[in-house]
Amino acid sequence: ENMYSKLKDTGFFHQIDLIIPVPVSKERLEERGYNQAEEIAKHLSKISKIPYNRDILIRKKDTRPQSGFNPNQRTKNIRNAFVTTSQLPAKHKVILIIDDIYTTGSTINECSRILLNSGAEKTYSSVVCIGS
């Protein structure tokens, strides 16, 4: 709620049409039992009244954890790991992508690339914590 309350008066959320989380690998989901980015996205959707959809962007391949890679390796590791579904109502929409960690931006950048190539007008991202 803190992120929302800080940004709501700026008009930022008025331009957002859809909120989606970065999908996690099946392995990570089994390990954690939930997708932290998805929980954050759902909550933000609820308090902002902006639609949320976790099924537009899907992870088509499990990748090795990004933590062991340098920036170039991270980009290669995550390349083509995501795909949009045929039900993409995001065409010509502004999408807010939610993730739970940001280190080099490779994951967010790849998600954004896939969404833009699928017809999204613009993407923004929000991350809850920053890694090193």
Foldseek 3Di string as FASTA:
>chain_A
DVVCVVCVVVCVLVQAQEEEEQDADPVVCVVVVHAPQRVVSVVCCVVSVHYYDHQFKDFPDHFDDLVVDDPVVSLVRCAPRIAGDPPPPQAQGEYEYEHAEAEPCNSVVNSQVRVVVVHHNYYHYDYNYYDD
